[in-house]
Amino acid sequence: MFAIYKRELKAYFLTPIGYIFCGIFLALSGISFSVTTLLAQSTNSLPFYFMIMIGIFAIIIPILTMRLFAEDRRGRTEQVLLTAPVSLT
């Protein structure tokens, strides 16, 4: 499983797409944190920030996985990955 993680991370960060998604994520999380702390009426604004982060993750993670699925189909490796006995360690 570690080899698959390593290959995917290398594929993302050898191209500009990984850095673009990191920049977008950092910008959105910074903006959402700033907005929630500035507009909060109380000092307990952190739960609202995490609720917004769930929404950001719900958008960014499917975009990243769509690219992986399309790349596996194009390379015809999805059947190999789905039938391989891959362990978590």
N, C-alpha and C. Protein backbone atom coordinates (compact mmCIF):
# COMPACT_ATOMS: atom_id res chain seq x y z
N MET A 1 0.82 -1.18 0.00
CA MET A 1 0.00 0.00 0.00
C MET A 1 0.87 1.26 0.00
N PHE A 2 2.01 1.19 0.69
CA PHE A 2 2.91 2.33 0.73
C PHE A 2 3.44 2.66 -0.66
N ALA A 3 3.68 1.64 -1.47
CA ALA A 3 4.18 1.87 -2.83
C ALA A 3 3.14 2.61 -3.67
N ILE A 4 1.86 2.31 -3.46
CA ILE A 4 0.80 2.99 -4.20
C ILE A 4 0.71 4.45 -3.75
N TYR A 5 0.78 4.68 -2.43
CA TYR A 5 0.77 6.06 -1.93
C TYR A 5 1.94 6.86 -2.50
N LYS A 6 3.11 6.23 -2.49
CA LYS A 6 4.31 6.90 -2.97
C LYS A 6 4.19 7.25 -4.45
N ARG A 7 3.66 6.32 -5.24
CA ARG A 7 3.50 6.57 -6.68
C ARG A 7 2.52 7.70 -6.93
N GLU A 8 1.41 7.72 -6.21
CA GLU A 8 0.39 8.75 -6.43
C GLU A 8 0.88 10.12 -5.99
N LEU A 9 1.55 10.19 -4.85
CA LEU A 9 2.09 11.48 -4.41
C LEU A 9 3.16 12.00 -5.36
N LYS A 10 3.98 11.09 -5.87
CA LYS A 10 4.99 11.50 -6.84
C LYS A 10 4.33 12.00 -8.11
N ALA A 11 3.25 11.36 -8.54
CA ALA A 11 2.54 11.80 -9.74
C ALA A 11 1.94 13.18 -9.55
N TYR A 12 1.45 13.46 -8.35
CA TYR A 12 0.86 14.78 -8.11
C TYR A 12 1.90 15.87 -8.05
N PHE A 13 3.01 15.61 -7.39
CA PHE A 13 3.96 16.69 -7.15
C PHE A 13 5.07 16.79 -8.20
N LEU A 14 5.06 15.93 -9.20
CA LEU A 14 5.94 16.13 -10.34
C LEU A 14 5.29 17.02 -11.39
N THR A 15 3.99 17.20 -11.26
CA THR A 15 3.25 18.11 -12.15
C THR A 15 2.75 19.29 -11.32
N PRO A 16 2.40 20.37 -11.95
CA PRO A 16 1.92 21.55 -11.19
C PRO A 16 0.56 21.35 -10.53
N ILE A 17 -0.18 20.31 -10.89
CA ILE A 17 -1.53 20.15 -10.35
C ILE A 17 -1.52 19.94 -8.84
N GLY A 18 -0.54 19.24 -8.31
CA GLY A 18 -0.45 19.03 -6.86
C GLY A 18 -0.23 20.33 -6.11
N TYR A 19 0.64 21.15 -6.64
CA TYR A 19 0.92 22.44 -6.01
C TYR A 19 -0.26 23.39 -6.14
N ILE A 20 -0.97 23.31 -7.25
CA ILE A 20 -2.16 24.15 -7.43
C ILE A 20 -3.23 23.77 -6.42
N PHE A 21 -3.48 22.46 -6.24
CA PHE A 21 -4.48 22.03 -5.26
C PHE A 21 -4.06 22.37 -3.84
N CYS A 22 -2.78 22.26 -3.53
CA CYS A 22 -2.31 22.66 -2.19
C CYS A 22 -2.53 24.15 -1.97
N GLY A 23 -2.23 24.95 -2.98
CA GLY A 23 -2.44 26.39 -2.86
C GLY A 23 -3.90 26.75 -2.71
N ILE A 24 -4.76 26.09 -3.49
CA ILE A 24 -6.20 26.34 -3.39
C ILE A 24 -6.71 25.94 -2.01
N PHE A 25 -6.27 24.78 -1.52
CA PHE A 25 -6.70 24.33 -0.20
C PHE A 25 -6.25 25.30 0.89
N LEU A 26 -4.99 25.71 0.84
CA LEU A 26 -4.48 26.64 1.86
C LEU A 26 -5.19 27.99 1.80
N ALA A 27 -5.46 28.46 0.58
CA ALA A 27 -6.17 29.74 0.45
C ALA A 27 -7.59 29.64 0.99
N LEU A 28 -8.30 28.57 0.63
CA LEU A 28 -9.68 28.41 1.11
C LEU A 28 -9.73 28.22 2.62
N SER A 29 -8.80 27.45 3.17
CA SER A 29 -8.82 27.25 4.62
C SER A 29 -8.44 28.53 5.36
N GLY A 30 -7.51 29.30 4.82
CA GLY A 30 -7.15 30.58 5.44
C GLY A 30 -8.28 31.58 5.39
N ILE A 31 -8.95 31.66 4.24
CA ILE A 31 -10.09 32.58 4.11
C ILE A 31 -11.22 32.17 5.04
N SER A 32 -11.51 30.86 5.09
CA SER A 32 -12.61 30.42 5.95
C SER A 32 -12.28 30.64 7.42
N PHE A 33 -11.03 30.44 7.82
CA PHE A 33 -10.65 30.70 9.21
C PHE A 33 -10.76 32.18 9.54
N SER A 34 -10.31 33.02 8.63
CA SER A 34 -10.39 34.47 8.86
C SER A 34 -11.84 34.93 8.96
N VAL A 35 -12.68 34.45 8.07
CA VAL A 35 -14.08 34.86 8.08
C VAL A 35 -14.79 34.37 9.34
N THR A 36 -14.55 33.12 9.73
CA THR A 36 -15.23 32.61 10.93
C THR A 36 -14.77 33.31 12.19
N THR A 37 -13.50 33.68 12.28
CA THR A 37 -13.04 34.37 13.49
C THR A 37 -13.47 35.83 13.50
N LEU A 38 -13.54 36.46 12.34
CA LEU A 38 -13.96 37.87 12.31
C LEU A 38 -15.46 38.04 12.52
N LEU A 39 -16.25 37.11 12.00
CA LEU A 39 -17.70 37.23 12.10
C LEU A 39 -18.30 36.55 13.32
N ALA A 40 -17.48 35.85 14.08
CA ALA A 40 -17.99 35.13 15.25
C ALA A 40 -18.37 36.11 16.35
N GLN A 41 -19.51 35.86 16.95
CA GLN A 41 -19.97 36.71 18.06
C GLN A 41 -19.35 36.27 19.38
N SER A 42 -18.91 35.04 19.45
CA SER A 42 -18.30 34.54 20.67
C SER A 42 -16.87 34.10 20.37
N THR A 43 -16.19 33.64 21.38
CA THR A 43 -14.81 33.18 21.19
C THR A 43 -14.76 31.74 20.70
N ASN A 44 -15.89 31.08 20.64
CA ASN A 44 -15.95 29.68 20.24
C ASN A 44 -16.27 29.57 18.75
N SER A 45 -15.35 29.98 17.89
CA SER A 45 -15.60 29.95 16.46
C SER A 45 -14.96 28.75 15.76
N LEU A 46 -14.21 27.95 16.48
CA LEU A 46 -13.51 26.83 15.86
C LEU A 46 -14.45 25.75 15.31
N PRO A 47 -15.56 25.41 15.95
CA PRO A 47 -16.47 24.42 15.34
C PRO A 47 -17.02 24.86 13.99
N PHE A 48 -17.26 26.13 13.81
CA PHE A 48 -17.75 26.63 12.52
C PHE A 48 -16.67 26.48 11.45
N TYR A 49 -15.44 26.72 11.84
CA TYR A 49 -14.33 26.55 10.90
C TYR A 49 -14.24 25.10 10.43
N PHE A 50 -14.36 24.16 11.36
CA PHE A 50 -14.26 22.75 10.97
C PHE A 50 -15.46 22.31 10.13
N MET A 51 -16.62 22.89 10.35
CA MET A 51 -17.77 22.59 9.49
C MET A 51 -17.51 23.07 8.07
N ILE A 52 -16.90 24.22 7.92
CA ILE A 52 -16.56 24.72 6.59
C ILE A 52 -15.48 23.84 5.95
N MET A 53 -14.52 23.38 6.75
CA MET A 53 -13.46 22.52 6.22
C MET A 53 -14.01 21.20 5.70
N ILE A 54 -15.05 20.68 6.33
CA ILE A 54 -15.68 19.46 5.82
C ILE A 54 -16.23 19.70 4.42
N GLY A 55 -16.83 20.85 4.21
CA GLY A 55 -17.33 21.19 2.88
C GLY A 55 -16.21 21.34 1.86
N ILE A 56 -15.11 21.95 2.28
CA ILE A 56 -13.97 22.10 1.37
C ILE A 56 -13.40 20.73 1.01
N PHE A 57 -13.25 19.86 2.00
CA PHE A 57 -12.77 18.50 1.72
C PHE A 57 -13.75 17.74 0.83
N ALA A 58 -15.04 17.97 1.02
CA ALA A 58 -16.05 17.28 0.20
C ALA A 58 -15.97 17.69 -1.26
N ILE A 59 -15.37 18.82 -1.53
CA ILE A 59 -15.20 19.27 -2.92
C ILE A 59 -13.84 18.85 -3.48
N ILE A 60 -12.78 19.02 -2.71
CA ILE A 60 -11.43 18.79 -3.23
C ILE A 60 -11.10 17.30 -3.37
N ILE A 61 -11.49 16.47 -2.42
CA ILE A 61 -11.14 15.05 -2.47
C ILE A 61 -11.75 14.35 -3.68
N PRO A 62 -13.04 14.54 -4.01
CA PRO A 62 -13.54 13.89 -5.23
C PRO A 62 -12.86 14.38 -6.51
N ILE A 63 -12.46 15.64 -6.55
CA ILE A 63 -11.75 16.14 -7.73
C ILE A 63 -10.42 15.40 -7.90
N LEU A 64 -9.71 15.20 -6.81
CA LEU A 64 -8.44 14.50 -6.88
C LEU A 64 -8.62 13.03 -7.24
N THR A 65 -9.63 12.37 -6.70
CA THR A 65 -9.82 10.96 -7.00
C THR A 65 -10.37 10.74 -8.40
N MET A 66 -11.10 11.68 -8.96
CA MET A 66 -11.56 11.54 -10.35
C MET A 66 -10.36 11.46 -11.28
N ARG A 67 -9.35 12.24 -11.01
CA ARG A 67 -8.14 12.21 -11.84
C ARG A 67 -7.47 10.84 -11.73
N LEU A 68 -7.40 10.28 -10.53
CA LEU A 68 -6.77 8.98 -10.35
C LEU A 68 -7.52 7.88 -11.09
N PHE A 69 -8.85 7.89 -10.99
CA PHE A 69 -9.63 6.86 -11.68
C PHE A 69 -9.50 6.98 -13.19
N ALA A 70 -9.49 8.19 -13.70
CA ALA A 70 -9.33 8.37 -15.15
C ALA A 70 -7.95 7.92 -15.62
N GLU A 71 -6.94 8.20 -14.82
CA GLU A 71 -5.59 7.79 -15.18
C GLU A 71 -5.45 6.26 -15.16
N ASP A 72 -6.08 5.60 -14.19
CA ASP A 72 -6.04 4.14 -14.14
C ASP A 72 -6.78 3.52 -15.31
N ARG A 73 -7.88 4.09 -15.70
CA ARG A 73 -8.61 3.56 -16.86
C ARG A 73 -7.81 3.76 -18.14
N ARG A 74 -7.18 4.91 -18.27
CA ARG A 74 -6.40 5.19 -19.47
C ARG A 74 -5.19 4.25 -19.56
N GLY A 75 -4.57 3.97 -18.44
CA GLY A 75 -3.42 3.08 -18.41
C GLY A 75 -3.79 1.61 -18.31
N ARG A 76 -5.08 1.32 -18.21
CA ARG A 76 -5.61 -0.05 -18.09
C ARG A 76 -5.01 -0.79 -16.88
N THR A 77 -4.84 -0.08 -15.79
CA THR A 77 -4.30 -0.70 -14.58
C THR A 77 -5.35 -0.84 -13.48
N GLU A 78 -6.58 -0.43 -13.73
CA GLU A 78 -7.58 -0.49 -12.66
C GLU A 78 -7.93 -1.93 -12.30
N GLN A 79 -8.00 -2.82 -13.27
CA GLN A 79 -8.31 -4.21 -12.97
C GLN A 79 -7.19 -4.87 -12.17
N VAL A 80 -5.97 -4.51 -12.48
CA VAL A 80 -4.83 -5.06 -11.74
C VAL A 80 -4.87 -4.58 -10.29
N LEU A 81 -5.15 -3.30 -10.08
CA LEU A 81 -5.20 -2.76 -8.72
C LEU A 81 -6.38 -3.31 -7.93
N LEU A 82 -7.52 -3.52 -8.60
CA LEU A 82 -8.69 -4.01 -7.90
C LEU A 82 -8.57 -5.48 -7.51
N THR A 83 -7.83 -6.27 -8.28
CA THR A 83 -7.72 -7.69 -7.99
C THR A 83 -6.44 -8.05 -7.26
N ALA A 84 -5.52 -7.12 -7.08
CA ALA A 84 -4.26 -7.41 -6.40
C ALA A 84 -4.48 -7.53 -4.90
N PRO A 85 -3.81 -8.49 -4.27
CA PRO A 85 -3.93 -8.64 -2.81
C PRO A 85 -3.05 -7.62 -2.09
N VAL A 86 -3.52 -6.40 -1.99
CA VAL A 86 -2.75 -5.32 -1.37
C VAL A 86 -3.11 -5.22 0.10
N SER A 87 -2.09 -5.24 0.95
CA SER A 87 -2.34 -5.09 2.38
C SER A 87 -2.10 -3.64 2.78
N LEU A 88 -2.55 -3.27 3.96
CA LEU A 88 -2.39 -1.89 4.43
C LEU A 88 -0.99 -1.60 4.92
N THR A 89 -0.21 -2.62 5.21
CA THR A 89 1.15 -2.39 5.73
C THR A 89 2.20 -2.60 4.69
